[in-house]
């Protein structure tokens, strides 16, 4: 939140440096899915369509001011929403982020994540957060991640 920051207006996004100019940014997009066991599939589909509307995506990131902002939603998850955010001119750096996405972004897994990735990712973020919060030592976190990796197929 801007009211809690001492650097508002003093920082900006910059392209990732590369060996010979701007380097690639790795995209790791999130998604919304419907579990196979869902009882209200049509309602879930309607929600996803609403959630993914570019205007809603932009609003969640601040295009309409702070009233609709979802604090854990820093950027729209689709290009239309990011374009709307840029057009709003209400979020500093949005145009830079759009340019980085358009010109310097590539998928981490162009053919889709491997089957083991969700287990690996879960082990990494769970143990890093545990170590950062002090509920687990750094060496224990590293050991837990390594143990998970050793047990994965792939």
Protein backbone atom coordinates (compact mmCIF):
# COMPACT_ATOMS: atom_id res chain seq x y z
CA UNK A 1 0.00 0.00 0.00
CA UNK A 2 1.26 3.44 -0.87
CA UNK A 3 0.48 4.73 2.63
CA UNK A 4 2.85 2.14 4.12
CA UNK A 5 5.76 2.71 1.73
CA UNK A 6 8.63 5.15 1.99
CA UNK A 7 9.68 4.74 -1.65
CA UNK A 8 6.50 5.58 -3.58
CA UNK A 9 7.53 7.56 -6.63
CA UNK A 10 11.24 6.86 -6.05
CA UNK A 11 11.47 3.42 -7.71
CA UNK A 12 10.64 2.10 -11.15
CA UNK A 13 10.72 -1.12 -13.11
CA UNK A 14 13.73 -1.75 -15.33
CA UNK A 15 14.32 -4.44 -17.92
CA UNK A 16 16.24 -7.51 -16.82
CA UNK A 17 19.87 -7.05 -17.88
CA UNK A 18 21.22 -9.62 -20.33
CA UNK A 19 24.63 -10.44 -21.79
CA UNK A 20 23.98 -8.33 -24.90
CA UNK A 21 21.10 -6.02 -24.02
CA UNK A 22 17.77 -6.70 -22.38
CA UNK A 23 17.43 -10.26 -21.12
CA UNK A 24 14.37 -12.46 -21.03
CA UNK A 25 11.87 -12.39 -18.22
CA UNK A 26 10.43 -15.74 -17.33
CA UNK A 27 6.69 -15.93 -17.15
CA UNK A 28 5.05 -18.36 -14.76
CA UNK A 29 1.38 -17.63 -15.21
CA UNK A 30 -1.25 -18.77 -12.78
CA UNK A 31 -4.55 -20.19 -13.82
CA UNK A 32 -8.03 -20.91 -12.58
CA UNK A 33 -9.43 -24.39 -12.96
CA UNK A 34 -12.54 -26.35 -12.11
CA UNK A 35 -12.05 -29.53 -10.10
CA UNK A 36 -13.48 -32.68 -11.69
CA UNK A 37 -15.63 -33.15 -8.57
CA UNK A 38 -17.22 -29.68 -8.79
CA UNK A 39 -20.98 -29.69 -8.29
CA UNK A 40 -21.66 -26.28 -9.86
CA UNK A 41 -19.61 -26.33 -13.06
CA UNK A 42 -21.72 -23.73 -14.88
CA UNK A 43 -21.34 -21.31 -11.97
CA UNK A 44 -17.59 -21.94 -11.91
CA UNK A 45 -17.37 -21.25 -15.64
CA UNK A 46 -19.34 -18.01 -15.18
CA UNK A 47 -17.01 -16.95 -12.35
CA UNK A 48 -13.89 -17.67 -14.41
CA UNK A 49 -15.28 -15.69 -17.36
CA UNK A 50 -16.04 -12.77 -15.02
CA UNK A 51 -12.65 -13.00 -13.31
CA UNK A 52 -10.79 -13.05 -16.63
CA UNK A 53 -12.59 -10.07 -18.19
CA UNK A 54 -9.85 -7.56 -19.08
CA UNK A 55 -11.71 -4.68 -17.39
CA UNK A 56 -12.00 -6.68 -14.15
CA UNK A 57 -8.37 -7.76 -14.34
CA UNK A 58 -7.30 -4.12 -14.72
CA UNK A 59 -9.59 -2.99 -11.89
CA UNK A 60 -8.19 -5.60 -9.50
CA UNK A 61 -4.71 -4.14 -10.19
CA UNK A 62 -5.75 -0.50 -9.68
CA UNK A 63 -7.07 0.85 -13.00
CA UNK A 64 -10.20 2.23 -11.31
CA UNK A 65 -8.46 3.45 -8.18
CA UNK A 66 -7.97 1.65 -4.91
CA UNK A 67 -11.57 0.58 -4.18
CA UNK A 68 -11.45 -2.56 -6.35
CA UNK A 69 -7.80 -3.46 -5.77
CA UNK A 70 -7.05 -6.96 -4.59
CA UNK A 71 -3.84 -6.54 -2.60
CA UNK A 72 -2.50 -9.95 -3.63
CA UNK A 73 -3.26 -9.27 -7.29
CA UNK A 74 -0.38 -7.07 -8.49
CA UNK A 75 -0.92 -7.50 -12.24
CA UNK A 76 -3.65 -8.58 -14.61
CA UNK A 77 -3.30 -12.19 -15.69
CA UNK A 78 -4.08 -11.49 -19.32
CA UNK A 79 -2.79 -9.06 -21.95
CA UNK A 80 -6.15 -7.34 -22.37
CA UNK A 81 -6.27 -6.54 -18.67
CA UNK A 82 -2.71 -5.23 -18.74
CA UNK A 83 -3.54 -3.06 -21.77
CA UNK A 84 -6.54 -1.65 -19.88
CA UNK A 85 -4.34 -1.01 -16.85
CA UNK A 86 -1.85 0.91 -19.01
CA UNK A 87 -4.68 2.95 -20.60
CA UNK A 88 -5.98 3.91 -17.15
CA UNK A 89 -2.69 5.71 -16.45
CA UNK A 90 -3.32 5.15 -12.73
CA UNK A 91 -0.60 2.60 -11.97
CA UNK A 92 2.97 3.86 -12.31
CA UNK A 93 5.15 1.42 -14.22
CA UNK A 94 2.28 -0.43 -15.91
CA UNK A 95 3.45 0.62 -19.39
CA UNK A 96 6.98 -0.55 -18.62
CA UNK A 97 5.66 -3.92 -17.44
CA UNK A 98 3.53 -4.25 -20.59
CA UNK A 99 6.60 -3.54 -22.72
CA UNK A 100 8.65 -6.12 -20.83
CA UNK A 101 5.91 -8.69 -21.32
CA UNK A 102 5.50 -7.94 -24.99
CA UNK A 103 9.15 -7.71 -25.92
CA UNK A 104 11.16 -9.75 -23.46
CA UNK A 105 9.02 -12.45 -21.88
CA UNK A 106 9.11 -16.16 -22.47
CA UNK A 107 7.42 -19.10 -20.83
CA UNK A 108 9.38 -21.16 -18.34
CA UNK A 109 7.78 -24.31 -19.74
CA UNK A 110 6.65 -23.61 -23.33
CA UNK A 111 5.07 -27.09 -23.62
CA UNK A 112 3.52 -26.95 -20.15
CA UNK A 113 4.97 -27.74 -16.75
CA UNK A 114 6.34 -31.24 -16.24
CA UNK A 115 4.25 -33.55 -14.02
CA UNK A 116 6.65 -33.20 -11.07
CA UNK A 117 6.68 -29.39 -11.04
CA UNK A 118 3.79 -28.80 -8.62
CA UNK A 119 5.38 -31.06 -5.97
CA UNK A 120 8.76 -29.40 -6.46
CA UNK A 121 7.28 -25.89 -6.33
CA UNK A 122 5.27 -26.72 -3.21
CA UNK A 123 8.37 -28.07 -1.44
CA UNK A 124 10.37 -24.97 -2.37
CA UNK A 125 7.87 -22.31 -1.32
CA UNK A 126 6.72 -24.15 1.81
CA UNK A 127 10.23 -24.71 3.11
CA UNK A 128 11.53 -21.27 2.15
CA UNK A 129 8.63 -19.65 3.97
CA UNK A 130 9.21 -21.91 6.98
CA UNK A 131 12.87 -20.94 7.08
CA UNK A 132 12.07 -17.25 6.59
CA UNK A 133 9.54 -17.30 9.44
CA UNK A 134 11.97 -19.12 11.72
CA UNK A 135 9.83 -22.23 12.14
CA UNK A 136 12.48 -24.28 10.34
CA UNK A 137 16.24 -23.83 10.02
CA UNK A 138 17.72 -22.99 6.64
CA UNK A 139 19.61 -26.29 6.56
CA UNK A 140 16.41 -28.21 7.40
CA UNK A 141 14.57 -26.37 4.62
CA UNK A 142 17.28 -27.21 2.10
CA UNK A 143 17.29 -30.85 3.23
CA UNK A 144 13.49 -31.07 2.89
CA UNK A 145 13.61 -29.59 -0.62
CA UNK A 146 16.41 -31.97 -1.63
CA UNK A 147 14.51 -34.92 -0.19
CA UNK A 148 11.45 -33.99 -2.24
CA UNK A 149 13.53 -33.61 -5.40
CA UNK A 150 15.12 -37.03 -4.90
CA UNK A 151 11.67 -38.59 -4.66
CA UNK A 152 10.29 -37.06 -7.86
CA UNK A 153 9.95 -38.82 -11.20
CA UNK A 154 11.52 -36.86 -13.99
